[in-house]
Amino acid sequence: MNFDQLPEFDKDLKCLLKKYRTLNDDLLVVKQVLEVFPEERPPFSFRIDNLGISTCVIKVKKIACKSLKGRGVNSGFRLVYAYFSDEQKIVFIELFHKSVKENEDRERILKHFL
């Protein structure tokens, strides 16, 4: 599986790393899981529908972060990525903490995958 990320994702990650220093390690674990299970897996991840595009965009709702000690996987981060099964490729689109933002940036998704 090949992983790539949008420049906006890099900015999201850089900003979050200031507060959540284990996030890079936590994302490595997520990548290991996505190599085995790249498609949606409710209740952990869901396909984002009604975008009007053919690209498979998935939102991961349960990401364990060591920096959020004792709060469990429901406490925090959301990861949005595009999955290209033919190419065996995943492109990270957005990473955010659910307390800061409730939903994904649909404009960003459409800008890059329309």
PDB file of N, CA and C in Angstrom:
ATOM      1  N   MET A   1       0.854  -1.181   0.000  1.00  0.00           N
ATOM      2  CA  MET A   1       0.000   0.000   0.000  1.00  0.00           C
ATOM      3  C   MET A   1       0.894   1.237   0.000  1.00  0.00           C
ATOM      4  N   ASN A   2       0.600   2.168  -0.875  1.00  0.00           N
ATOM      5  CA  ASN A   2       1.326   3.437  -0.933  1.00  0.00           C
ATOM      6  C   ASN A   2       0.522   4.511  -0.213  1.00  0.00           C
ATOM      7  N   PHE A   3       1.214   5.316   0.582  1.00  0.00           N
ATOM      8  CA  PHE A   3       0.573   6.403   1.309  1.00  0.00           C
ATOM      9  C   PHE A   3       1.100   7.739   0.807  1.00  0.00           C
ATOM     10  N   ASP A   4       0.178   8.685   0.676  1.00  0.00           N
ATOM     11  CA  ASP A   4       0.519  10.041   0.273  1.00  0.00           C
ATOM     12  C   ASP A   4      -0.331  10.985   1.116  1.00  0.00           C
ATOM     13  N   GLN A   5      -0.001  12.243   1.105  1.00  0.00           N
ATOM     14  CA  GLN A   5      -0.807  13.205   1.857  1.00  0.00           C
ATOM     15  C   GLN A   5      -0.814  14.549   1.157  1.00  0.00           C
ATOM     16  N   LEU A   6      -1.934  15.220   1.303  1.00  0.00           N
ATOM     17  CA  LEU A   6      -2.090  16.547   0.717  1.00  0.00           C
ATOM     18  C   LEU A   6      -1.260  17.557   1.519  1.00  0.00           C
ATOM     19  N   PRO A   7      -0.851  18.663   0.887  1.00  0.00           N
ATOM     20  CA  PRO A   7      -0.123  19.709   1.622  1.00  0.00           C
ATOM     21  C   PRO A   7      -0.933  20.246   2.807  1.00  0.00           C
ATOM     22  N   GLU A   8      -2.247  20.331   2.644  1.00  0.00           N
ATOM     23  CA  GLU A   8      -3.105  20.801   3.748  1.00  0.00           C
ATOM     24  C   GLU A   8      -3.064  19.823   4.922  1.00  0.00           C
ATOM     25  N   PHE A   9      -2.956  18.534   4.616  1.00  0.00           N
ATOM     26  CA  PHE A   9      -2.848  17.527   5.677  1.00  0.00           C
ATOM     27  C   PHE A   9      -1.547  17.734   6.454  1.00  0.00           C
ATOM     28  N   ASP A  10      -0.469  18.013   5.726  1.00  0.00           N
ATOM     29  CA  ASP A  10       0.813  18.276   6.390  1.00  0.00           C
ATOM     30  C   ASP A  10       0.698  19.437   7.376  1.00  0.00           C
ATOM     31  N   LYS A  11      -0.025  20.485   6.978  1.00  0.00           N
ATOM     32  CA  LYS A  11      -0.227  21.639   7.862  1.00  0.00           C
ATOM     33  C   LYS A  11      -1.054  21.252   9.084  1.00  0.00           C
ATOM     34  N   ASP A  12      -2.127  20.462   8.846  1.00  0.00           N
ATOM     35  CA  ASP A  12      -2.951  19.980   9.968  1.00  0.00           C
ATOM     36  C   ASP A  12      -2.082  19.225  10.971  1.00  0.00           C
ATOM     37  N   LEU A  13      -1.289  18.302  10.445  1.00  0.00           N
ATOM     38  CA  LEU A  13      -0.453  17.457  11.299  1.00  0.00           C
ATOM     39  C   LEU A  13       0.577  18.283  12.065  1.00  0.00           C
ATOM     40  N   LYS A  14       1.227  19.196  11.386  1.00  0.00           N
ATOM     41  CA  LYS A  14       2.243  20.037  12.030  1.00  0.00           C
ATOM     42  C   LYS A  14       1.649  20.828  13.190  1.00  0.00           C
ATOM     43  N   CYS A  15       0.477  21.365  12.969  1.00  0.00           N
ATOM     44  CA  CYS A  15      -0.194  22.139  14.019  1.00  0.00           C
ATOM     45  C   CYS A  15      -0.578  21.249  15.203  1.00  0.00           C
ATOM     46  N   LEU A  16      -1.118  20.068  14.919  1.00  0.00           N
ATOM     47  CA  LEU A  16      -1.543  19.159  15.985  1.00  0.00           C
ATOM     48  C   LEU A  16      -0.364  18.573  16.757  1.00  0.00           C
ATOM     49  N   LEU A  17       0.766  18.394  16.088  1.00  0.00           N
ATOM     50  CA  LEU A  17       1.944  17.818  16.752  1.00  0.00           C
ATOM     51  C   LEU A  17       2.472  18.705  17.874  1.00  0.00           C
ATOM     52  N   LYS A  18       2.198  19.994  17.824  1.00  0.00           N
ATOM     53  CA  LYS A  18       2.635  20.896  18.884  1.00  0.00           C
ATOM     54  C   LYS A  18       1.979  20.531  20.213  1.00  0.00           C
ATOM     55  N   LYS A  19       0.745  20.090  20.147  1.00  0.00           N
ATOM     56  CA  LYS A  19       0.007  19.757  21.355  1.00  0.00           C
ATOM     57  C   LYS A  19       0.007  18.250  21.643  1.00  0.00           C
ATOM     58  N   TYR A  20      -0.006  17.436  20.584  1.00  0.00           N
ATOM     59  CA  TYR A  20      -0.091  15.980  20.728  1.00  0.00           C
ATOM     60  C   TYR A  20       1.165  15.355  20.129  1.00  0.00           C
ATOM     61  N   ARG A  21       2.206  15.256  20.934  1.00  0.00           N
ATOM     62  CA  ARG A  21       3.527  14.867  20.439  1.00  0.00           C
ATOM     63  C   ARG A  21       3.623  13.419  19.966  1.00  0.00           C
ATOM     64  N   THR A  22       2.714  12.560  20.358  1.00  0.00           N
ATOM     65  CA  THR A  22       2.768  11.152  19.943  1.00  0.00           C
ATOM     66  C   THR A  22       2.014  10.893  18.635  1.00  0.00           C
ATOM     67  N   LEU A  23       1.489  11.916  18.034  1.00  0.00           N
ATOM     68  CA  LEU A  23       0.618  11.753  16.872  1.00  0.00           C
ATOM     69  C   LEU A  23       1.304  11.062  15.685  1.00  0.00           C
ATOM     70  N   ASN A  24       2.575  11.338  15.452  1.00  0.00           N
ATOM     71  CA  ASN A  24       3.279  10.642  14.365  1.00  0.00           C
ATOM     72  C   ASN A  24       3.305   9.134  14.600  1.00  0.00           C
ATOM     73  N   ASP A  25       3.614   8.731  15.831  1.00  0.00           N
ATOM     74  CA  ASP A  25       3.625   7.304  16.163  1.00  0.00           C
ATOM     75  C   ASP A  25       2.225   6.706  16.050  1.00  0.00           C
ATOM     76  N   ASP A  26       1.237   7.464  16.476  1.00  0.00           N
ATOM     77  CA  ASP A  26      -0.144   6.985  16.390  1.00  0.00           C
ATOM     78  C   ASP A  26      -0.575   6.802  14.935  1.00  0.00           C
ATOM     79  N   LEU A  27      -0.117   7.695  14.061  1.00  0.00           N
ATOM     80  CA  LEU A  27      -0.443   7.574  12.637  1.00  0.00           C
ATOM     81  C   LEU A  27       0.246   6.367  12.001  1.00  0.00           C
ATOM     82  N   LEU A  28       1.412   5.994  12.499  1.00  0.00           N
ATOM     83  CA  LEU A  28       2.076   4.779  12.001  1.00  0.00           C
ATOM     84  C   LEU A  28       1.224   3.546  12.286  1.00  0.00           C
ATOM     85  N   VAL A  29       0.611   3.521  13.462  1.00  0.00           N
ATOM     86  CA  VAL A  29      -0.286   2.414  13.807  1.00  0.00           C
ATOM     87  C   VAL A  29      -1.493   2.413  12.874  1.00  0.00           C
ATOM     88  N   VAL A  30      -2.042   3.586  12.612  1.00  0.00           N
ATOM     89  CA  VAL A  30      -3.184   3.700  11.702  1.00  0.00           C
ATOM     90  C   VAL A  30      -2.801   3.185  10.317  1.00  0.00           C
ATOM     91  N   LYS A  31      -1.612   3.539   9.853  1.00  0.00           N
ATOM     92  CA  LYS A  31      -1.155   3.069   8.542  1.00  0.00           C
ATOM     93  C   LYS A  31      -1.043   1.546   8.498  1.00  0.00           C
ATOM     94  N   GLN A  32      -0.567   0.959   9.583  1.00  0.00           N
ATOM     95  CA  GLN A  32      -0.466  -0.500   9.635  1.00  0.00           C
ATOM     96  C   GLN A  32      -1.846  -1.145   9.520  1.00  0.00           C
ATOM     97  N   VAL A  33      -2.819  -0.565  10.172  1.00  0.00           N
ATOM     98  CA  VAL A  33      -4.185  -1.084  10.100  1.00  0.00           C
ATOM     99  C   VAL A  33      -4.743  -0.892   8.694  1.00  0.00           C
ATOM    100  N   LEU A  34      -4.502   0.284   8.103  1.00  0.00           N
ATOM    101  CA  LEU A  34      -5.033   0.565   6.771  1.00  0.00           C
ATOM    102  C   LEU A  34      -4.402  -0.311   5.694  1.00  0.00           C
ATOM    103  N   GLU A  35      -3.183  -0.775   5.909  1.00  0.00           N
ATOM    104  CA  GLU A  35      -2.574  -1.699   4.949  1.00  0.00           C
ATOM    105  C   GLU A  35      -3.355  -3.001   4.871  1.00  0.00           C
ATOM    106  N   VAL A  36      -3.938  -3.418   5.993  1.00  0.00           N
ATOM    107  CA  VAL A  36      -4.705  -4.664   6.045  1.00  0.00           C
ATOM    108  C   VAL A  36      -6.181  -4.427   5.732  1.00  0.00           C
ATOM    109  N   PHE A  37      -6.742  -3.352   6.267  1.00  0.00           N
ATOM    110  CA  PHE A  37      -8.169  -3.030   6.103  1.00  0.00           C
ATOM    111  C   PHE A  37      -8.339  -1.608   5.570  1.00  0.00           C
ATOM    112  N   PRO A  38      -8.078  -1.369   4.286  1.00  0.00           N
ATOM    113  CA  PRO A  38      -8.148   0.006   3.766  1.00  0.00           C
ATOM    114  C   PRO A  38      -9.568   0.524   3.540  1.00  0.00           C
ATOM    115  N   GLU A  39     -10.540  -0.360   3.437  1.00  0.00           N
ATOM    116  CA  GLU A  39     -11.903   0.083   3.171  1.00  0.00           C
ATOM    117  C   GLU A  39     -12.634   0.387   4.466  1.00  0.00           C
ATOM    118  N   GLU A  40     -13.838   0.921   4.348  1.00  0.00           N
ATOM    119  CA  GLU A  40     -14.595   1.302   5.538  1.00  0.00           C
ATOM    120  C   GLU A  40     -14.882   0.085   6.417  1.00  0.00           C
ATOM    121  N   ARG A  41     -14.886   0.336   7.732  1.00  0.00           N
ATOM    122  CA  ARG A  41     -15.151  -0.707   8.710  1.00  0.00           C
ATOM    123  C   ARG A  41     -15.974  -0.133   9.857  1.00  0.00           C
ATOM    124  N   PRO A  42     -17.289   0.001   9.652  1.00  0.00           N
ATOM    125  CA  PRO A  42     -18.113   0.513  10.758  1.00  0.00           C
ATOM    126  C   PRO A  42     -17.929  -0.362  11.992  1.00  0.00           C
ATOM    127  N   PRO A  43     -17.891   0.171  13.162  1.00  0.00           N
ATOM    128  CA  PRO A  43     -18.126   1.562  13.570  1.00  0.00           C
ATOM    129  C   PRO A  43     -16.864   2.415  13.593  1.00  0.00           C
ATOM    130  N   PHE A  44     -15.742   1.875  13.140  1.00  0.00           N
ATOM    131  CA  PHE A  44     -14.481   2.618  13.203  1.00  0.00           C
ATOM    132  C   PHE A  44     -14.311   3.624  12.075  1.00  0.00           C
ATOM    133  N   SER A  45     -14.801   3.270  10.907  1.00  0.00           N
ATOM    134  CA  SER A  45     -14.657   4.176   9.771  1.00  0.00           C
ATOM    135  C   SER A  45     -15.871   4.058   8.853  1.00  0.00           C
ATOM    136  N   PHE A  46     -16.160   5.159   8.169  1.00  0.00           N
ATOM    137  CA  PHE A  46     -17.336   5.240   7.310  1.00  0.00           C
ATOM    138  C   PHE A  46     -16.975   5.924   6.000  1.00  0.00           C
ATOM    139  N   ARG A  47     -17.617   5.488   4.933  1.00  0.00           N
ATOM    140  CA  ARG A  47     -17.450   6.163   3.646  1.00  0.00           C
ATOM    141  C   ARG A  47     -18.260   7.460   3.686  1.00  0.00           C
ATOM    142  N   ILE A  48     -17.682   8.543   3.178  1.00  0.00           N
ATOM    143  CA  ILE A  48     -18.380   9.825   3.119  1.00  0.00           C
ATOM    144  C   ILE A  48     -19.130   9.858   1.796  1.00  0.00           C
ATOM    145  N   ASP A  49     -20.445   9.865   1.876  1.00  0.00           N
ATOM    146  CA  ASP A  49     -21.286   9.858   0.685  1.00  0.00           C
ATOM    147  C   ASP A  49     -21.743  11.268   0.338  1.00  0.00           C
ATOM    148  N   ASN A  50     -22.480  11.366  -0.759  1.00  0.00           N
ATOM    149  CA  ASN A  50     -23.090  12.624  -1.226  1.00  0.00           C
ATOM    150  C   ASN A  50     -22.066  13.703  -1.558  1.00  0.00           C
ATOM    151  N   LEU A  51     -20.908  13.270  -2.049  1.00  0.00           N
ATOM    152  CA  LEU A  51     -19.899  14.239  -2.476  1.00  0.00           C
ATOM    153  C   LEU A  51     -19.985  14.516  -3.975  1.00  0.00           C
ATOM    154  N   GLY A  52     -20.618  13.609  -4.707  1.00  0.00           N
ATOM    155  CA  GLY A  52     -20.730  13.780  -6.149  1.00  0.00           C
ATOM    156  C   GLY A  52     -19.455  13.418  -6.900  1.00  0.00           C
ATOM    157  N   ILE A  53     -18.593  12.622  -6.271  1.00  0.00           N
ATOM    158  CA  ILE A  53     -17.358  12.188  -6.918  1.00  0.00           C
ATOM    159  C   ILE A  53     -17.261  10.667  -6.852  1.00  0.00           C
ATOM    160  N   SER A  54     -16.462  10.090  -7.736  1.00  0.00           N
ATOM    161  CA  SER A  54     -16.331   8.633  -7.767  1.00  0.00           C
ATOM    162  C   SER A  54     -15.262   8.119  -6.808  1.00  0.00           C
ATOM    163  N   THR A  55     -14.392   8.997  -6.348  1.00  0.00           N
ATOM    164  CA  THR A  55     -13.324   8.604  -5.435  1.00  0.00           C
ATOM    165  C   THR A  55     -13.915   8.137  -4.105  1.00  0.00           C
ATOM    166  N   CYS A  56     -13.383   7.046  -3.579  1.00  0.00           N
ATOM    167  CA  CYS A  56     -13.818   6.515  -2.285  1.00  0.00           C
ATOM    168  C   CYS A  56     -13.129   7.316  -1.179  1.00  0.00           C
ATOM    169  N   VAL A  57     -13.906   8.135  -0.460  1.00  0.00           N
ATOM    170  CA  VAL A  57     -13.376   8.948   0.633  1.00  0.00           C
ATOM    171  C   VAL A  57     -13.927   8.394   1.940  1.00  0.00           C
ATOM    172  N   ILE A  58     -13.020   8.097   2.868  1.00  0.00           N
ATOM    173  CA  ILE A  58     -13.390   7.440   4.115  1.00  0.00           C
ATOM    174  C   ILE A  58     -12.947   8.291   5.301  1.00  0.00           C
ATOM    175  N   LYS A  59     -13.786   8.289   6.324  1.00  0.00           N
ATOM    176  CA  LYS A  59     -13.503   9.031   7.560  1.00  0.00           C
ATOM    177  C   LYS A  59     -13.310   8.015   8.686  1.00  0.00           C
ATOM    178  N   VAL A  60     -12.136   8.053   9.302  1.00  0.00           N
ATOM    179  CA  VAL A  60     -11.847   7.188  10.446  1.00  0.00           C
ATOM    180  C   VAL A  60     -12.229   7.952  11.703  1.00  0.00           C
ATOM    181  N   LYS A  61     -13.099   7.359  12.509  1.00  0.00           N
ATOM    182  CA  LYS A  61     -13.607   8.056  13.686  1.00  0.00           C
ATOM    183  C   LYS A  61     -12.941   7.626  14.982  1.00  0.00           C
ATOM    184  N   LYS A  62     -12.217   6.532  14.953  1.00  0.00           N
ATOM    185  CA  LYS A  62     -11.654   6.026  16.207  1.00  0.00           C
ATOM    186  C   LYS A  62     -10.152   5.857  16.068  1.00  0.00           C
ATOM    187  N   ILE A  63      -9.430   6.878  16.475  1.00  0.00           N
ATOM    188  CA  ILE A  63      -7.969   6.845  16.443  1.00  0.00           C
ATOM    189  C   ILE A  63      -7.460   6.992  17.873  1.00  0.00           C
ATOM    190  N   ALA A  64      -6.748   5.982  18.338  1.00  0.00           N
ATOM    191  CA  ALA A  64      -6.168   6.048  19.673  1.00  0.00           C
ATOM    192  C   ALA A  64      -4.919   6.918  19.626  1.00  0.00           C
ATOM    193  N   CYS A  65      -4.809   7.823  20.565  1.00  0.00           N
ATOM    194  CA  CYS A  65      -3.651   8.710  20.639  1.00  0.00           C
ATOM    195  C   CYS A  65      -3.064   8.619  22.044  1.00  0.00           C
ATOM    196  N   LYS A  66      -1.784   8.282  22.119  1.00  0.00           N
ATOM    197  CA  LYS A  66      -1.127   8.135  23.419  1.00  0.00           C
ATOM    198  C   LYS A  66      -1.101   9.445  24.197  1.00  0.00           C
ATOM    199  N   SER A  67      -1.131  10.568  23.500  1.00  0.00           N
ATOM    200  CA  SER A  67      -1.128  11.872  24.170  1.00  0.00           C
ATOM    201  C   SER A  67      -2.443  12.156  24.882  1.00  0.00           C
ATOM    202  N   LEU A  68      -3.474  11.415  24.547  1.00  0.00           N
ATOM    203  CA  LEU A  68      -4.784  11.573  25.197  1.00  0.00           C
ATOM    204  C   LEU A  68      -4.971  10.443  26.197  1.00  0.00           C
ATOM    205  N   LYS A  69      -4.066  10.345  27.143  1.00  0.00           N
ATOM    206  CA  LYS A  69      -4.055   9.241  28.093  1.00  0.00           C
ATOM    207  C   LYS A  69      -5.383   9.082  28.824  1.00  0.00           C
ATOM    208  N   GLY A  70      -5.847   7.851  28.871  1.00  0.00           N
ATOM    209  CA  GLY A  70      -7.028   7.525  29.651  1.00  0.00           C
ATOM    210  C   GLY A  70      -8.345   7.957  29.063  1.00  0.00           C
ATOM    211  N   ARG A  71      -8.336   8.485  27.861  1.00  0.00           N
ATOM    212  CA  ARG A  71      -9.594   8.957  27.294  1.00  0.00           C
ATOM    213  C   ARG A  71     -10.140   8.020  26.220  1.00  0.00           C
ATOM    214  N   GLY A  72      -9.372   7.020  25.831  1.00  0.00           N
ATOM    215  CA  GLY A  72      -9.866   6.032  24.865  1.00  0.00           C
ATOM    216  C   GLY A  72      -9.891   6.534  23.436  1.00  0.00           C
ATOM    217  N   VAL A  73     -10.330   5.657  22.531  1.00  0.00           N
ATOM    218  CA  VAL A  73     -10.314   5.976  21.108  1.00  0.00           C
ATOM    219  C   VAL A  73     -11.419   6.934  20.703  1.00  0.00           C
ATOM    220  N   ASN A  74     -12.453   7.092  21.508  1.00  0.00           N
ATOM    221  CA  ASN A  74     -13.552   7.986  21.152  1.00  0.00           C
ATOM    222  C   ASN A  74     -13.245   9.442  21.459  1.00  0.00           C
ATOM    223  N   SER A  75     -12.121   9.702  22.081  1.00  0.00           N
ATOM    224  CA  SER A  75     -11.872  11.025  22.612  1.00  0.00           C
ATOM    225  C   SER A  75     -11.436  12.050  21.597  1.00  0.00           C
ATOM    226  N   GLY A  76     -11.008  11.611  20.421  1.00  0.00           N
ATOM    227  CA  GLY A  76     -10.430  12.708  19.743  1.00  0.00           C
ATOM    228  C   GLY A  76     -10.292  12.875  18.282  1.00  0.00           C
ATOM    229  N   PHE A  77      -9.476  12.160  17.626  1.00  0.00           N
ATOM    230  CA  PHE A  77      -9.079  12.525  16.278  1.00  0.00           C
ATOM    231  C   PHE A  77      -9.922  11.871  15.199  1.00  0.00           C
ATOM    232  N   ARG A  78     -10.035  12.601  14.112  1.00  0.00           N
ATOM    233  CA  ARG A  78     -10.719  12.117  12.919  1.00  0.00           C
ATOM    234  C   ARG A  78      -9.724  12.222  11.763  1.00  0.00           C
ATOM    235  N   LEU A  79      -9.679  11.183  10.961  1.00  0.00           N
ATOM    236  CA  LEU A  79      -8.798  11.150   9.797  1.00  0.00           C
ATOM    237  C   LEU A  79      -9.654  10.915   8.566  1.00  0.00           C
ATOM    238  N   VAL A  80      -9.448  11.747   7.554  1.00  0.00           N
ATOM    239  CA  VAL A  80     -10.174  11.604   6.290  1.00  0.00           C
ATOM    240  C   VAL A  80      -9.152  11.259   5.219  1.00  0.00           C
ATOM    241  N   TYR A  81      -9.450  10.200   4.460  1.00  0.00           N
ATOM    242  CA  TYR A  81      -8.527   9.801   3.405  1.00  0.00           C
ATOM    243  C   TYR A  81      -9.268   9.301   2.179  1.00  0.00           C
ATOM    244  N   ALA A  82      -8.576   9.344   1.050  1.00  0.00           N
ATOM    245  CA  ALA A  82      -9.105   8.818  -0.207  1.00  0.00           C
ATOM    246  C   ALA A  82      -8.412   7.493  -0.469  1.00  0.00           C
ATOM    247  N   TYR A  83      -9.213   6.482  -0.854  1.00  0.00           N
ATOM    248  CA  TYR A  83      -8.668   5.151  -1.111  1.00  0.00           C
ATOM    249  C   TYR A  83      -8.853   4.802  -2.575  1.00  0.00           C
ATOM    250  N   PHE A  84      -7.749   4.490  -3.230  1.00  0.00           N
ATOM    251  CA  PHE A  84      -7.760   4.078  -4.633  1.00  0.00           C
ATOM    252  C   PHE A  84      -7.390   2.602  -4.685  1.00  0.00           C
ATOM    253  N   SER A  85      -8.394   1.735  -4.768  1.00  0.00           N
ATOM    254  CA  SER A  85      -8.158   0.288  -4.688  1.00  0.00           C
ATOM    255  C   SER A  85      -7.363  -0.238  -5.875  1.00  0.00           C
ATOM    256  N   ASP A  86      -7.586   0.310  -7.063  1.00  0.00           N
ATOM    257  CA  ASP A  86      -6.866  -0.158  -8.252  1.00  0.00           C
ATOM    258  C   ASP A  86      -5.363   0.088  -8.144  1.00  0.00           C
ATOM    259  N   GLU A  87      -5.010   1.211  -7.563  1.00  0.00           N
ATOM    260  CA  GLU A  87      -3.602   1.593  -7.438  1.00  0.00           C
ATOM    261  C   GLU A  87      -2.996   1.169  -6.104  1.00  0.00           C
ATOM    262  N   GLN A  88      -3.829   0.634  -5.202  1.00  0.00           N
ATOM    263  CA  GLN A  88      -3.388   0.316  -3.840  1.00  0.00           C
ATOM    264  C   GLN A  88      -2.710   1.538  -3.220  1.00  0.00           C
ATOM    265  N   LYS A  89      -3.485   2.637  -3.213  1.00  0.00           N
ATOM    266  CA  LYS A  89      -2.955   3.918  -2.746  1.00  0.00           C
ATOM    267  C   LYS A  89      -3.957   4.585  -1.816  1.00  0.00           C
ATOM    268  N   ILE A  90      -3.437   5.221  -0.776  1.00  0.00           N
ATOM    269  CA  ILE A  90      -4.243   5.996   0.160  1.00  0.00           C
ATOM    270  C   ILE A  90      -3.645   7.400   0.227  1.00  0.00           C
ATOM    271  N   VAL A  91      -4.511   8.403   0.099  1.00  0.00           N
ATOM    272  CA  VAL A  91      -4.083   9.798   0.204  1.00  0.00           C
ATOM    273  C   VAL A  91      -4.768  10.403   1.429  1.00  0.00           C
ATOM    274  N   PHE A  92      -3.962  10.816   2.410  1.00  0.00           N
ATOM    275  CA  PHE A  92      -4.512  11.464   3.595  1.00  0.00           C
ATOM    276  C   PHE A  92      -4.941  12.876   3.227  1.00  0.00           C
ATOM    277  N   ILE A  93      -6.188  13.201   3.568  1.00  0.00           N
ATOM    278  CA  ILE A  93      -6.773  14.485   3.197  1.00  0.00           C
ATOM    279  C   ILE A  93      -6.804  15.449   4.375  1.00  0.00           C
ATOM    280  N   GLU A  94      -7.252  14.943   5.513  1.00  0.00           N
ATOM    281  CA  GLU A  94      -7.478  15.850   6.648  1.00  0.00           C
ATOM    282  C   GLU A  94      -7.343  15.101   7.962  1.00  0.00           C
ATOM    283  N   LEU A  95      -6.818  15.785   8.960  1.00  0.00           N
ATOM    284  CA  LEU A  95      -6.706  15.264  10.321  1.00  0.00           C
ATOM    285  C   LEU A  95      -7.140  16.380  11.253  1.00  0.00           C
ATOM    286  N   PHE A  96      -8.079  16.068  12.150  1.00  0.00           N
ATOM    287  CA  PHE A  96      -8.544  17.102  13.066  1.00  0.00           C
ATOM    288  C   PHE A  96      -9.033  16.483  14.368  1.00  0.00           C
ATOM    289  N   HIS A  97      -9.057  17.306  15.404  1.00  0.00           N
ATOM    290  CA  HIS A  97      -9.590  16.885  16.698  1.00  0.00           C
ATOM    291  C   HIS A  97     -11.070  17.223  16.716  1.00  0.00           C
ATOM    292  N   LYS A  98     -11.870  16.293  17.179  1.00  0.00           N
ATOM    293  CA  LYS A  98     -13.317  16.494  17.093  1.00  0.00           C
ATOM    294  C   LYS A  98     -13.827  17.632  17.974  1.00  0.00           C
ATOM    295  N   SER A  99     -13.063  18.041  18.970  1.00  0.00           N
ATOM    296  CA  SER A  99     -13.516  19.156  19.805  1.00  0.00           C
ATOM    297  C   SER A  99     -13.345  20.493  19.083  1.00  0.00           C
ATOM    298  N   VAL A 100     -12.465  20.533  18.088  1.00  0.00           N
ATOM    299  CA  VAL A 100     -12.208  21.758  17.338  1.00  0.00           C
ATOM    300  C   VAL A 100     -13.141  21.874  16.142  1.00  0.00           C
ATOM    301  N   LYS A 101     -13.447  20.746  15.544  1.00  0.00           N
ATOM    302  CA  LYS A 101     -14.204  20.732  14.308  1.00  0.00           C
ATOM    303  C   LYS A 101     -15.058  19.470  14.276  1.00  0.00           C
ATOM    304  N   GLU A 102     -16.311  19.621  13.870  1.00  0.00           N
ATOM    305  CA  GLU A 102     -17.211  18.475  13.915  1.00  0.00           C
ATOM    306  C   GLU A 102     -17.181  17.631  12.650  1.00  0.00           C
ATOM    307  N   ASN A 103     -17.110  18.280  11.488  1.00  0.00           N
ATOM    308  CA  ASN A 103     -17.187  17.552  10.223  1.00  0.00           C
ATOM    309  C   ASN A 103     -15.995  17.835   9.327  1.00  0.00           C
ATOM    310  N   GLU A 104     -15.837  16.960   8.344  1.00  0.00           N
ATOM    311  CA  GLU A 104     -14.746  17.080   7.383  1.00  0.00           C
ATOM    312  C   GLU A 104     -14.926  18.302   6.492  1.00  0.00           C
ATOM    313  N   ASP A 105     -13.838  18.728   5.885  1.00  0.00           N
ATOM    314  CA  ASP A 105     -13.828  19.869   4.977  1.00  0.00           C
ATOM    315  C   ASP A 105     -14.168  19.370   3.574  1.00  0.00           C
ATOM    316  N   ARG A 106     -15.432  19.441   3.218  1.00  0.00           N
ATOM    317  CA  ARG A 106     -15.878  18.934   1.918  1.00  0.00           C
ATOM    318  C   ARG A 106     -15.290  19.736   0.765  1.00  0.00           C
ATOM    319  N   GLU A 107     -15.041  21.010   0.984  1.00  0.00           N
ATOM    320  CA  GLU A 107     -14.435  21.841  -0.063  1.00  0.00           C
ATOM    321  C   GLU A 107     -13.035  21.338  -0.394  1.00  0.00           C
ATOM    322  N   ARG A 108     -12.283  20.965   0.620  1.00  0.00           N
ATOM    323  CA  ARG A 108     -10.940  20.436   0.399  1.00  0.00           C
ATOM    324  C   ARG A 108     -10.993  19.135  -0.390  1.00  0.00           C
ATOM    325  N   ILE A 109     -11.919  18.286  -0.041  1.00  0.00           N
ATOM    326  CA  ILE A 109     -12.072  17.003  -0.742  1.00  0.00           C
ATOM    327  C   ILE A 109     -12.405  17.247  -2.216  1.00  0.00           C
ATOM    328  N   LEU A 110     -13.382  18.094  -2.461  1.00  0.00           N
ATOM    329  CA  LEU A 110     -13.792  18.367  -3.840  1.00  0.00           C
ATOM    330  C   LEU A 110     -12.694  19.080  -4.633  1.00  0.00           C
ATOM    331  N   LYS A 111     -11.951  19.944  -3.976  1.00  0.00           N
ATOM    332  CA  LYS A 111     -10.877  20.676  -4.653  1.00  0.00           C
ATOM    333  C   LYS A 111      -9.840  19.720  -5.238  1.00  0.00           C
ATOM    334  N   HIS A 112      -9.545  18.646  -4.524  1.00  0.00           N
ATOM    335  CA  HIS A 112      -8.486  17.740  -4.952  1.00  0.00           C
ATOM    336  C   HIS A 112      -8.954  16.507  -5.708  1.00  0.00           C
ATOM    337  N   PHE A 113     -10.228  16.148  -5.567  1.00  0.00           N
ATOM    338  CA  PHE A 113     -10.674  14.878  -6.153  1.00  0.00           C
ATOM    339  C   PHE A 113     -11.863  14.984  -7.085  1.00  0.00           C
ATOM    340  N   LEU A 114     -12.250  16.181  -7.460  1.00  0.00           N
ATOM    341  CA  LEU A 114     -13.379  16.357  -8.379  1.00  0.00           C
ATOM    342  C   LEU A 114     -12.931  16.190  -9.803  1.00  0.00           C
TER     343      LEU A 114
END
